[in-house]
Amino acid sequence: MTLPVLTAKYQQKVLATQFKKSYANLQTAINTVNSNNGIPYECYTLKNSGYYFNQCHEFWPKVLGQYKSIKDCGNWKNTNCRPKYKSKAEVLADGGTINNSACSFPIDSHYAYNLNDGSILYLFNSPESGYTNHNSLFFGLDVNGLKGPNRWGYDLFYLNLYRENARKPVIGLTFVCELIEKGGQSAEDIMLK
């Protein structure tokens, strides 16, 4: 193996470890909020039963409150504390893949929050709400924030809240949409390794 190949494999392992850490932190926050509420907030997709958005605007501020320190980076206009990512069209033009072509929420339309674990959480706000409510079960997670490579399937993942049935907890998955740049991995692949 050549040095660039070894370096790329090492970087991929580091990013996978960071994803697992950021994902675990987020899942803990989600579980705590739902546990404190007594039942999961109506903010998830249920297997074979549609989408539930009713309480997302109540749920996400409580999840953010579980982090000791956050920096609100706002929308796409604030480029000082959020990286630039490829669009869906750019990912596909460069040989990337997409699961579920509906992926209609560009990451630039999401509000960004730099979290105390070094990750950035992107929460979608619909234009109908004036971009002031986190009223969606869709979100993005950049596991190492401003550090590179800032690529889909490497350190950036598009996720959604999901429940398999009424008794299972809410978890973040790529059930609805997933972009993967060439050479990247899905969130599920990383979790299974």
N, C-alpha and C. Protein backbone atom coordinates (compact mmCIF):
# COMPACT_ATOMS: atom_id res chain seq x y z
N MET A 1 0.84 -1.19 0.00
CA MET A 1 0.00 0.00 0.00
C MET A 1 0.88 1.24 0.00
N THR A 2 0.40 2.24 -0.68
CA THR A 2 1.15 3.49 -0.73
C THR A 2 0.76 4.38 0.43
N LEU A 3 1.59 5.36 0.71
CA LEU A 3 1.34 6.28 1.82
C LEU A 3 0.00 7.02 1.68
N PRO A 4 -0.37 7.54 0.50
CA PRO A 4 -1.69 8.21 0.38
C PRO A 4 -2.86 7.27 0.70
N VAL A 5 -2.76 6.00 0.29
CA VAL A 5 -3.83 5.04 0.58
C VAL A 5 -3.93 4.79 2.07
N LEU A 6 -2.78 4.61 2.73
CA LEU A 6 -2.77 4.39 4.18
C LEU A 6 -3.30 5.62 4.92
N THR A 7 -2.92 6.79 4.46
CA THR A 7 -3.40 8.03 5.08
C THR A 7 -4.92 8.15 4.93
N ALA A 8 -5.43 7.84 3.74
CA ALA A 8 -6.87 7.92 3.50
C ALA A 8 -7.62 6.92 4.39
N LYS A 9 -7.11 5.71 4.53
CA LYS A 9 -7.75 4.70 5.39
C LYS A 9 -7.73 5.15 6.85
N TYR A 10 -6.61 5.73 7.29
CA TYR A 10 -6.52 6.22 8.66
C TYR A 10 -7.53 7.34 8.88
N GLN A 11 -7.60 8.29 7.93
CA GLN A 11 -8.55 9.40 8.07
C GLN A 11 -9.99 8.88 8.12
N GLN A 12 -10.29 7.87 7.31
CA GLN A 12 -11.64 7.31 7.30
C GLN A 12 -11.97 6.69 8.66
N LYS A 13 -11.00 6.03 9.29
CA LYS A 13 -11.23 5.45 10.62
C LYS A 13 -11.43 6.53 11.67
N VAL A 14 -10.65 7.59 11.59
CA VAL A 14 -10.79 8.70 12.53
C VAL A 14 -12.18 9.33 12.40
N LEU A 15 -12.62 9.58 11.16
CA LEU A 15 -13.94 10.17 10.94
C LEU A 15 -15.05 9.24 11.38
N ALA A 16 -14.88 7.93 11.19
CA ALA A 16 -15.88 6.96 11.64
C ALA A 16 -16.00 6.99 13.16
N THR A 17 -14.88 7.09 13.84
CA THR A 17 -14.90 7.17 15.30
C THR A 17 -15.58 8.46 15.75
N GLN A 18 -15.29 9.56 15.07
CA GLN A 18 -15.94 10.83 15.40
C GLN A 18 -17.44 10.76 15.15
N PHE A 19 -17.85 10.10 14.06
CA PHE A 19 -19.27 9.96 13.78
C PHE A 19 -19.95 9.19 14.92
N LYS A 20 -19.36 8.08 15.34
CA LYS A 20 -19.97 7.27 16.41
C LYS A 20 -20.09 8.06 17.70
N LYS A 21 -19.08 8.87 18.00
CA LYS A 21 -19.13 9.70 19.22
C LYS A 21 -20.22 10.76 19.12
N SER A 22 -20.25 11.49 18.01
CA SER A 22 -21.26 12.54 17.83
C SER A 22 -22.66 11.96 17.80
N TYR A 23 -22.81 10.83 17.11
CA TYR A 23 -24.11 10.16 17.03
C TYR A 23 -24.56 9.71 18.42
N ALA A 24 -23.64 9.14 19.20
CA ALA A 24 -23.98 8.69 20.56
C ALA A 24 -24.39 9.88 21.43
N ASN A 25 -23.67 11.00 21.32
CA ASN A 25 -24.03 12.19 22.09
C ASN A 25 -25.42 12.69 21.72
N LEU A 26 -25.71 12.73 20.42
CA LEU A 26 -27.01 13.18 19.96
C LEU A 26 -28.11 12.21 20.38
N GLN A 27 -27.84 10.92 20.26
CA GLN A 27 -28.84 9.93 20.66
C GLN A 27 -29.14 10.00 22.16
N THR A 28 -28.12 10.26 22.96
CA THR A 28 -28.32 10.43 24.40
C THR A 28 -29.20 11.64 24.68
N ALA A 29 -28.95 12.74 23.98
CA ALA A 29 -29.78 13.94 24.15
C ALA A 29 -31.22 13.66 23.75
N ILE A 30 -31.42 12.98 22.62
CA ILE A 30 -32.76 12.63 22.15
C ILE A 30 -33.47 11.74 23.16
N ASN A 31 -32.78 10.72 23.65
CA ASN A 31 -33.38 9.80 24.62
C ASN A 31 -33.75 10.52 25.91
N THR A 32 -32.88 11.41 26.39
CA THR A 32 -33.14 12.14 27.62
C THR A 32 -34.37 13.02 27.47
N VAL A 33 -34.46 13.74 26.36
CA VAL A 33 -35.61 14.63 26.12
C VAL A 33 -36.91 13.82 26.07
N ASN A 34 -36.89 12.72 25.33
CA ASN A 34 -38.10 11.90 25.24
C ASN A 34 -38.45 11.25 26.57
N SER A 35 -37.44 10.84 27.32
CA SER A 35 -37.67 10.24 28.64
C SER A 35 -38.27 11.27 29.60
N ASN A 36 -37.72 12.48 29.59
CA ASN A 36 -38.25 13.54 30.45
C ASN A 36 -39.69 13.89 30.11
N ASN A 37 -40.06 13.69 28.85
CA ASN A 37 -41.42 13.98 28.41
C ASN A 37 -42.38 12.82 28.74
N GLY A 38 -41.82 11.66 29.02
CA GLY A 38 -42.65 10.50 29.32
C GLY A 38 -42.98 9.67 28.09
N ILE A 39 -43.06 10.29 26.96
CA ILE A 39 -43.29 9.61 25.68
C ILE A 39 -42.50 10.37 24.61
N PRO A 40 -42.20 9.71 23.48
CA PRO A 40 -41.49 10.45 22.43
C PRO A 40 -42.33 11.59 21.88
N TYR A 41 -41.69 12.72 21.66
CA TYR A 41 -42.37 13.84 21.01
C TYR A 41 -42.81 13.40 19.62
N GLU A 42 -43.87 14.00 19.12
CA GLU A 42 -44.35 13.71 17.77
C GLU A 42 -43.43 14.41 16.77
N CYS A 43 -42.28 13.80 16.57
CA CYS A 43 -41.27 14.34 15.66
C CYS A 43 -40.43 13.17 15.16
N TYR A 44 -40.99 12.40 14.24
CA TYR A 44 -40.30 11.23 13.71
C TYR A 44 -41.11 10.65 12.55
N THR A 45 -40.51 9.75 11.82
CA THR A 45 -41.24 8.95 10.85
C THR A 45 -41.42 7.56 11.44
N LEU A 46 -42.61 7.02 11.30
CA LEU A 46 -42.91 5.70 11.83
C LEU A 46 -42.97 4.73 10.66
N LYS A 47 -42.29 3.60 10.81
CA LYS A 47 -42.21 2.62 9.73
C LYS A 47 -43.60 2.33 9.15
N ASN A 48 -43.72 2.54 7.85
CA ASN A 48 -44.94 2.27 7.09
C ASN A 48 -46.15 3.09 7.52
N SER A 49 -45.94 4.16 8.30
CA SER A 49 -47.11 4.91 8.80
C SER A 49 -47.00 6.41 8.62
N GLY A 50 -46.04 6.90 7.88
CA GLY A 50 -45.99 8.33 7.61
C GLY A 50 -45.08 9.12 8.52
N TYR A 51 -45.24 10.44 8.41
CA TYR A 51 -44.37 11.40 9.09
C TYR A 51 -45.14 12.18 10.14
N TYR A 52 -44.48 12.47 11.26
CA TYR A 52 -45.10 13.20 12.37
C TYR A 52 -44.22 14.39 12.72
N PHE A 53 -44.71 15.58 12.44
CA PHE A 53 -43.95 16.81 12.64
C PHE A 53 -44.51 17.69 13.76
N ASN A 54 -45.66 17.34 14.30
CA ASN A 54 -46.41 18.25 15.18
C ASN A 54 -45.61 18.90 16.29
N GLN A 55 -44.71 18.15 16.92
CA GLN A 55 -44.01 18.69 18.09
C GLN A 55 -42.52 18.92 17.86
N CYS A 56 -42.08 18.91 16.61
CA CYS A 56 -40.66 19.14 16.33
C CYS A 56 -40.19 20.49 16.87
N HIS A 57 -41.04 21.52 16.74
CA HIS A 57 -40.65 22.86 17.20
C HIS A 57 -40.48 22.91 18.72
N GLU A 58 -41.07 21.97 19.47
CA GLU A 58 -40.87 21.87 20.92
C GLU A 58 -39.69 20.96 21.24
N PHE A 59 -39.53 19.92 20.42
CA PHE A 59 -38.53 18.89 20.66
C PHE A 59 -37.10 19.38 20.48
N TRP A 60 -36.80 20.02 19.34
CA TRP A 60 -35.41 20.37 19.03
C TRP A 60 -34.79 21.36 20.02
N PRO A 61 -35.49 22.41 20.48
CA PRO A 61 -34.87 23.28 21.48
C PRO A 61 -34.49 22.52 22.76
N LYS A 62 -35.29 21.52 23.12
CA LYS A 62 -34.97 20.72 24.30
C LYS A 62 -33.73 19.85 24.05
N VAL A 63 -33.60 19.32 22.83
CA VAL A 63 -32.40 18.54 22.50
C VAL A 63 -31.17 19.44 22.56
N LEU A 64 -31.26 20.62 21.97
CA LEU A 64 -30.13 21.56 22.02
C LEU A 64 -29.79 21.93 23.45
N GLY A 65 -30.80 22.00 24.31
CA GLY A 65 -30.58 22.32 25.72
C GLY A 65 -29.80 21.25 26.48
N GLN A 66 -29.71 20.05 25.92
CA GLN A 66 -28.95 18.98 26.56
C GLN A 66 -27.43 19.18 26.41
N TYR A 67 -27.03 20.00 25.46
CA TYR A 67 -25.60 20.30 25.27
C TYR A 67 -25.24 21.47 26.17
N LYS A 68 -24.10 21.35 26.83
CA LYS A 68 -23.70 22.39 27.78
C LYS A 68 -23.39 23.72 27.09
N SER A 69 -22.90 23.65 25.89
CA SER A 69 -22.49 24.86 25.20
C SER A 69 -22.78 24.70 23.71
N ILE A 70 -23.46 25.68 23.15
CA ILE A 70 -23.69 25.68 21.70
C ILE A 70 -23.48 27.08 21.17
N LYS A 71 -23.12 27.16 19.91
CA LYS A 71 -23.01 28.45 19.23
C LYS A 71 -23.99 28.42 18.09
N ASP A 72 -24.89 29.35 18.07
CA ASP A 72 -25.90 29.46 17.02
C ASP A 72 -25.26 30.11 15.81
N CYS A 73 -25.10 29.35 14.75
CA CYS A 73 -24.50 29.88 13.51
C CYS A 73 -25.55 30.40 12.54
N GLY A 74 -26.80 30.22 12.86
CA GLY A 74 -27.86 30.74 12.02
C GLY A 74 -27.95 30.08 10.66
N ASN A 75 -28.42 30.85 9.69
CA ASN A 75 -28.66 30.28 8.37
C ASN A 75 -27.43 30.40 7.48
N TRP A 76 -27.60 30.10 6.22
CA TRP A 76 -26.51 30.03 5.25
C TRP A 76 -25.74 31.33 5.09
N LYS A 77 -26.33 32.45 5.49
CA LYS A 77 -25.65 33.73 5.33
C LYS A 77 -24.47 33.88 6.27
N ASN A 78 -24.47 33.15 7.37
CA ASN A 78 -23.37 33.23 8.34
C ASN A 78 -22.32 32.18 7.98
N THR A 79 -21.33 32.58 7.22
CA THR A 79 -20.31 31.65 6.74
C THR A 79 -19.09 31.57 7.65
N ASN A 80 -19.08 32.32 8.74
CA ASN A 80 -17.92 32.32 9.63
C ASN A 80 -17.82 31.06 10.48
N CYS A 81 -18.94 30.43 10.78
CA CYS A 81 -18.88 29.27 11.68
C CYS A 81 -19.53 28.02 11.09
N ARG A 82 -19.62 27.98 9.77
CA ARG A 82 -20.14 26.78 9.11
C ARG A 82 -19.43 26.60 7.78
N PRO A 83 -19.05 25.36 7.47
CA PRO A 83 -18.34 25.12 6.22
C PRO A 83 -19.25 25.17 5.01
N LYS A 84 -18.65 25.18 3.84
CA LYS A 84 -19.37 25.09 2.56
C LYS A 84 -19.34 23.63 2.12
N TYR A 85 -20.49 23.11 1.71
CA TYR A 85 -20.61 21.73 1.27
C TYR A 85 -21.07 21.69 -0.18
N LYS A 86 -20.85 20.54 -0.81
CA LYS A 86 -21.36 20.34 -2.16
C LYS A 86 -22.88 20.19 -2.12
N SER A 87 -23.52 20.66 -3.17
CA SER A 87 -24.97 20.49 -3.31
C SER A 87 -25.25 19.07 -3.79
N LYS A 88 -26.52 18.70 -3.77
CA LYS A 88 -26.93 17.38 -4.27
C LYS A 88 -26.48 17.21 -5.72
N ALA A 89 -26.69 18.23 -6.54
CA ALA A 89 -26.31 18.16 -7.95
C ALA A 89 -24.80 17.98 -8.11
N GLU A 90 -24.02 18.69 -7.31
CA GLU A 90 -22.56 18.56 -7.39
C GLU A 90 -22.10 17.17 -6.96
N VAL A 91 -22.71 16.62 -5.92
CA VAL A 91 -22.36 15.26 -5.47
C VAL A 91 -22.62 14.26 -6.57
N LEU A 92 -23.78 14.34 -7.20
CA LEU A 92 -24.13 13.40 -8.26
C LEU A 92 -23.26 13.59 -9.49
N ALA A 93 -22.92 14.83 -9.83
CA ALA A 93 -22.07 15.10 -11.00
C ALA A 93 -20.66 14.55 -10.81
N ASP A 94 -20.21 14.48 -9.56
CA ASP A 94 -18.86 13.98 -9.27
C ASP A 94 -18.82 12.48 -8.99
N GLY A 95 -19.90 11.76 -9.32
CA GLY A 95 -19.90 10.31 -9.16
C GLY A 95 -20.39 9.82 -7.81
N GLY A 96 -20.99 10.69 -7.02
CA GLY A 96 -21.55 10.29 -5.73
C GLY A 96 -22.88 9.57 -5.93
N THR A 97 -23.45 9.12 -4.82
CA THR A 97 -24.72 8.40 -4.88
C THR A 97 -25.75 9.08 -3.98
N ILE A 98 -27.00 8.74 -4.25
CA ILE A 98 -28.09 9.27 -3.44
C ILE A 98 -29.08 8.14 -3.19
N ASN A 99 -29.52 8.02 -1.97
CA ASN A 99 -30.60 7.10 -1.63
C ASN A 99 -31.83 7.94 -1.39
N ASN A 100 -32.87 7.68 -2.14
CA ASN A 100 -34.11 8.44 -2.13
C ASN A 100 -33.87 9.81 -2.77
N SER A 101 -34.18 9.90 -4.03
CA SER A 101 -33.91 11.12 -4.79
C SER A 101 -34.73 12.32 -4.32
N ALA A 102 -35.64 12.11 -3.37
CA ALA A 102 -36.45 13.22 -2.87
C ALA A 102 -35.63 14.22 -2.07
N CYS A 103 -34.49 13.86 -1.59
CA CYS A 103 -33.61 14.72 -0.79
C CYS A 103 -33.75 16.18 -1.20
N SER A 104 -34.76 16.84 -0.71
CA SER A 104 -35.09 18.17 -1.21
C SER A 104 -34.74 19.29 -0.24
N PHE A 105 -34.07 18.99 0.86
CA PHE A 105 -33.73 20.03 1.83
C PHE A 105 -32.24 20.31 1.78
N PRO A 106 -31.80 21.28 0.98
CA PRO A 106 -30.36 21.55 0.91
C PRO A 106 -29.82 21.98 2.27
N ILE A 107 -28.63 21.51 2.60
CA ILE A 107 -28.04 21.77 3.91
C ILE A 107 -27.89 23.27 4.17
N ASP A 108 -27.72 24.05 3.11
CA ASP A 108 -27.60 25.50 3.28
C ASP A 108 -28.88 26.15 3.78
N SER A 109 -30.02 25.46 3.65
CA SER A 109 -31.27 26.02 4.15
C SER A 109 -31.52 25.66 5.61
N HIS A 110 -30.60 24.95 6.22
CA HIS A 110 -30.73 24.54 7.62
C HIS A 110 -30.03 25.54 8.54
N TYR A 111 -30.55 25.68 9.74
CA TYR A 111 -29.86 26.44 10.77
C TYR A 111 -28.73 25.58 11.33
N ALA A 112 -27.61 26.18 11.65
CA ALA A 112 -26.45 25.44 12.13
C ALA A 112 -26.17 25.78 13.60
N TYR A 113 -25.85 24.74 14.35
CA TYR A 113 -25.47 24.89 15.77
C TYR A 113 -24.16 24.16 16.00
N ASN A 114 -23.11 24.90 16.39
CA ASN A 114 -21.84 24.28 16.76
C ASN A 114 -22.00 23.76 18.18
N LEU A 115 -21.85 22.45 18.35
CA LEU A 115 -22.07 21.80 19.64
C LEU A 115 -20.76 21.64 20.40
N ASN A 116 -20.87 21.41 21.71
CA ASN A 116 -19.68 21.36 22.54
C ASN A 116 -18.80 20.15 22.29
N ASP A 117 -19.26 19.16 21.53
CA ASP A 117 -18.41 18.02 21.21
C ASP A 117 -17.65 18.23 19.90
N GLY A 118 -17.74 19.43 19.31
CA GLY A 118 -17.02 19.75 18.08
C GLY A 118 -17.82 19.51 16.82
N SER A 119 -19.01 18.95 16.95
CA SER A 119 -19.84 18.68 15.77
C SER A 119 -20.75 19.88 15.48
N ILE A 120 -21.36 19.85 14.30
CA ILE A 120 -22.35 20.86 13.93
C ILE A 120 -23.65 20.14 13.64
N LEU A 121 -24.73 20.60 14.26
CA LEU A 121 -26.06 20.06 14.03
C LEU A 121 -26.82 21.04 13.16
N TYR A 122 -27.38 20.54 12.05
CA TYR A 122 -28.15 21.36 11.12
C TYR A 122 -29.62 20.98 11.25
N LEU A 123 -30.45 21.97 11.58
CA LEU A 123 -31.88 21.74 11.73
C LEU A 123 -32.64 22.51 10.67
N PHE A 124 -33.55 21.82 9.99
CA PHE A 124 -34.30 22.44 8.90
C PHE A 124 -35.40 23.33 9.44
N ASN A 125 -35.54 24.48 8.82
CA ASN A 125 -36.63 25.42 9.10
C ASN A 125 -37.36 25.68 7.80
N SER A 126 -38.65 25.54 7.81
CA SER A 126 -39.39 25.73 6.56
C SER A 126 -39.60 27.22 6.29
N PRO A 127 -39.66 27.59 5.01
CA PRO A 127 -39.94 29.00 4.67
C PRO A 127 -41.28 29.47 5.21
N GLU A 128 -42.24 28.53 5.34
CA GLU A 128 -43.57 28.90 5.84
C GLU A 128 -43.51 29.45 7.28
N SER A 129 -42.50 29.01 8.03
CA SER A 129 -42.39 29.46 9.42
C SER A 129 -41.52 30.70 9.54
N GLY A 130 -41.07 31.24 8.42
CA GLY A 130 -40.18 32.39 8.47
C GLY A 130 -38.79 32.01 8.93
N TYR A 131 -38.43 30.73 8.78
CA TYR A 131 -37.13 30.21 9.19
C TYR A 131 -36.87 30.42 10.68
N THR A 132 -37.91 30.34 11.49
CA THR A 132 -37.71 30.54 12.93
C THR A 132 -38.02 29.31 13.76
N ASN A 133 -38.69 28.32 13.19
CA ASN A 133 -39.02 27.11 13.95
C ASN A 133 -38.28 25.91 13.40
N HIS A 134 -37.80 25.06 14.29
CA HIS A 134 -37.21 23.80 13.88
C HIS A 134 -38.37 22.81 13.80
N ASN A 135 -39.01 22.80 12.66
CA ASN A 135 -40.27 22.07 12.55
C ASN A 135 -40.16 20.85 11.63
N SER A 136 -39.01 20.16 11.69
CA SER A 136 -38.82 19.02 10.82
C SER A 136 -38.10 17.90 11.54
N LEU A 137 -38.35 16.68 11.10
CA LEU A 137 -37.63 15.53 11.65
C LEU A 137 -36.33 15.28 10.90
N PHE A 138 -36.02 16.10 9.89
CA PHE A 138 -34.79 15.97 9.11
C PHE A 138 -33.69 16.84 9.70
N PHE A 139 -32.47 16.34 9.72
CA PHE A 139 -31.35 17.12 10.23
C PHE A 139 -30.04 16.64 9.62
N GLY A 140 -29.03 17.49 9.72
CA GLY A 140 -27.69 17.14 9.25
C GLY A 140 -26.73 17.12 10.42
N LEU A 141 -25.69 16.31 10.32
CA LEU A 141 -24.69 16.22 11.37
C LEU A 141 -23.31 16.19 10.73
N ASP A 142 -22.51 17.23 11.00
CA ASP A 142 -21.11 17.26 10.60
C ASP A 142 -20.31 16.92 11.84
N VAL A 143 -19.67 15.77 11.84
CA VAL A 143 -19.10 15.22 13.07
C VAL A 143 -17.86 15.95 13.57
N ASN A 144 -17.20 16.71 12.71
CA ASN A 144 -16.02 17.43 13.17
C ASN A 144 -16.07 18.92 12.84
N GLY A 145 -17.26 19.42 12.63
CA GLY A 145 -17.45 20.86 12.47
C GLY A 145 -16.68 21.47 11.32
N LEU A 146 -15.93 22.50 11.61
CA LEU A 146 -15.23 23.26 10.58
C LEU A 146 -14.05 22.52 9.97
N LYS A 147 -13.55 21.50 10.65
CA LYS A 147 -12.43 20.73 10.10
C LYS A 147 -12.88 20.00 8.84
N GLY A 148 -11.93 19.75 7.96
CA GLY A 148 -12.24 19.03 6.73
C GLY A 148 -12.44 17.55 6.99
N PRO A 149 -12.86 16.84 6.00
CA PRO A 149 -12.96 17.22 4.59
C PRO A 149 -14.28 17.90 4.22
N ASN A 150 -15.26 17.94 5.13
CA ASN A 150 -16.57 18.55 4.86
C ASN A 150 -17.21 17.96 3.61
N ARG A 151 -17.34 16.62 3.66
CA ARG A 151 -17.87 15.87 2.52
C ARG A 151 -18.95 14.91 2.99
N TRP A 152 -19.99 14.76 2.14
CA TRP A 152 -21.09 13.84 2.42
C TRP A 152 -20.57 12.40 2.49
N GLY A 153 -20.89 11.69 3.57
CA GLY A 153 -20.47 10.31 3.73
C GLY A 153 -19.08 10.17 4.31
N TYR A 154 -18.44 11.27 4.61
CA TYR A 154 -17.14 11.28 5.27
C TYR A 154 -17.32 11.82 6.68
N ASP A 155 -17.62 13.12 6.77
CA ASP A 155 -17.88 13.74 8.07
C ASP A 155 -19.24 14.43 8.12
N LEU A 156 -19.98 14.41 7.03
CA LEU A 156 -21.31 15.04 6.96
C LEU A 156 -22.35 14.01 6.59
N PHE A 157 -23.45 13.98 7.36
CA PHE A 157 -24.50 13.00 7.15
C PHE A 157 -25.86 13.68 7.29
N TYR A 158 -26.78 13.28 6.43
CA TYR A 158 -28.14 13.78 6.47
C TYR A 158 -28.98 12.68 7.11
N LEU A 159 -29.64 12.99 8.21
CA LEU A 159 -30.35 11.99 9.00
C LEU A 159 -31.80 12.42 9.24
N ASN A 160 -32.58 11.50 9.78
CA ASN A 160 -33.94 11.84 10.21
C ASN A 160 -34.29 11.01 11.44
N LEU A 161 -35.28 11.46 12.18
CA LEU A 161 -35.75 10.73 13.35
C LEU A 161 -36.71 9.65 12.90
N TYR A 162 -36.57 8.48 13.49
CA TYR A 162 -37.29 7.30 12.99
C TYR A 162 -37.69 6.40 14.15
N ARG A 163 -38.88 5.82 14.05
CA ARG A 163 -39.32 4.79 14.99
C ARG A 163 -39.81 3.58 14.21
N GLU A 164 -39.38 2.41 14.62
CA GLU A 164 -39.82 1.19 13.95
C GLU A 164 -41.24 0.83 14.35
N ASN A 165 -41.57 1.05 15.62
CA ASN A 165 -42.93 0.80 16.11
C ASN A 165 -43.15 1.63 17.36
N ALA A 166 -44.33 1.54 17.93
CA ALA A 166 -44.70 2.39 19.06
C ALA A 166 -43.85 2.14 20.30
N ARG A 167 -43.23 0.99 20.41
CA ARG A 167 -42.46 0.66 21.61
C ARG A 167 -40.97 0.93 21.48
N LYS A 168 -40.51 1.08 20.26
CA LYS A 168 -39.08 1.32 20.04
C LYS A 168 -38.77 2.80 20.25
N PRO A 169 -37.55 3.12 20.69
CA PRO A 169 -37.18 4.52 20.86
C PRO A 169 -36.96 5.22 19.53
N VAL A 170 -36.93 6.53 19.58
CA VAL A 170 -36.64 7.34 18.40
C VAL A 170 -35.14 7.31 18.17
N ILE A 171 -34.74 7.02 16.95
CA ILE A 171 -33.32 7.02 16.61
C ILE A 171 -33.09 7.83 15.34
N GLY A 172 -31.88 8.27 15.15
CA GLY A 172 -31.53 8.99 13.94
C GLY A 172 -31.03 8.03 12.88
N LEU A 173 -31.65 8.04 11.72
CA LEU A 173 -31.26 7.17 10.61
C LEU A 173 -31.28 7.94 9.30
N THR A 174 -30.77 7.30 8.26
CA THR A 174 -30.82 7.89 6.93
C THR A 174 -31.95 7.25 6.13
N PHE A 175 -33.08 7.03 6.76
CA PHE A 175 -34.22 6.36 6.17
C PHE A 175 -34.84 7.16 5.03
N VAL A 176 -34.83 8.47 5.12
CA VAL A 176 -35.52 9.31 4.14
C VAL A 176 -34.58 9.79 3.04
N CYS A 177 -33.39 10.17 3.37
CA CYS A 177 -32.48 10.77 2.39
C CYS A 177 -31.04 10.51 2.79
N GLU A 178 -30.20 10.26 1.79
CA GLU A 178 -28.78 10.07 2.08
C GLU A 178 -27.96 10.42 0.86
N LEU A 179 -27.03 11.34 1.02
CA LEU A 179 -26.06 11.69 0.00
C LEU A 179 -24.71 11.11 0.40
N ILE A 180 -24.01 10.53 -0.56
CA ILE A 180 -22.68 9.99 -0.28
C ILE A 180 -21.76 10.38 -1.43
N GLU A 181 -20.73 11.15 -1.10
CA GLU A 181 -19.75 11.49 -2.13
C GLU A 181 -18.90 10.27 -2.45
N LYS A 182 -18.32 10.28 -3.63
CA LYS A 182 -17.51 9.16 -4.09
C LYS A 182 -16.46 8.78 -3.04
N GLY A 183 -16.45 7.50 -2.67
CA GLY A 183 -15.50 7.01 -1.67
C GLY A 183 -16.01 7.09 -0.25
N GLY A 184 -17.17 7.73 -0.04
CA GLY A 184 -17.73 7.87 1.30
C GLY A 184 -18.51 6.64 1.72
N GLN A 185 -19.09 6.71 2.92
CA GLN A 185 -19.84 5.61 3.50
C GLN A 185 -21.18 6.11 4.02
N SER A 186 -22.14 5.20 4.10
CA SER A 186 -23.41 5.55 4.73
C SER A 186 -23.24 5.52 6.24
N ALA A 187 -24.12 6.20 6.92
CA ALA A 187 -24.09 6.19 8.39
C ALA A 187 -24.27 4.77 8.92
N GLU A 188 -25.15 4.00 8.30
CA GLU A 188 -25.38 2.62 8.75
C GLU A 188 -24.13 1.77 8.60
N ASP A 189 -23.41 1.94 7.47
CA ASP A 189 -22.17 1.18 7.27
C ASP A 189 -21.16 1.49 8.36
N ILE A 190 -21.06 2.76 8.71
CA ILE A 190 -20.11 3.14 9.76
C ILE A 190 -20.51 2.51 11.09
N MET A 191 -21.80 2.54 11.40
CA MET A 191 -22.26 1.99 12.69
C MET A 191 -22.07 0.48 12.76
N LEU A 192 -22.13 -0.20 11.63
CA LEU A 192 -21.99 -1.65 11.63
C LEU A 192 -20.55 -2.13 11.67
N LYS A 193 -19.60 -1.25 11.40
CA LYS A 193 -18.17 -1.64 11.41
C LYS A 193 -17.59 -1.52 12.80
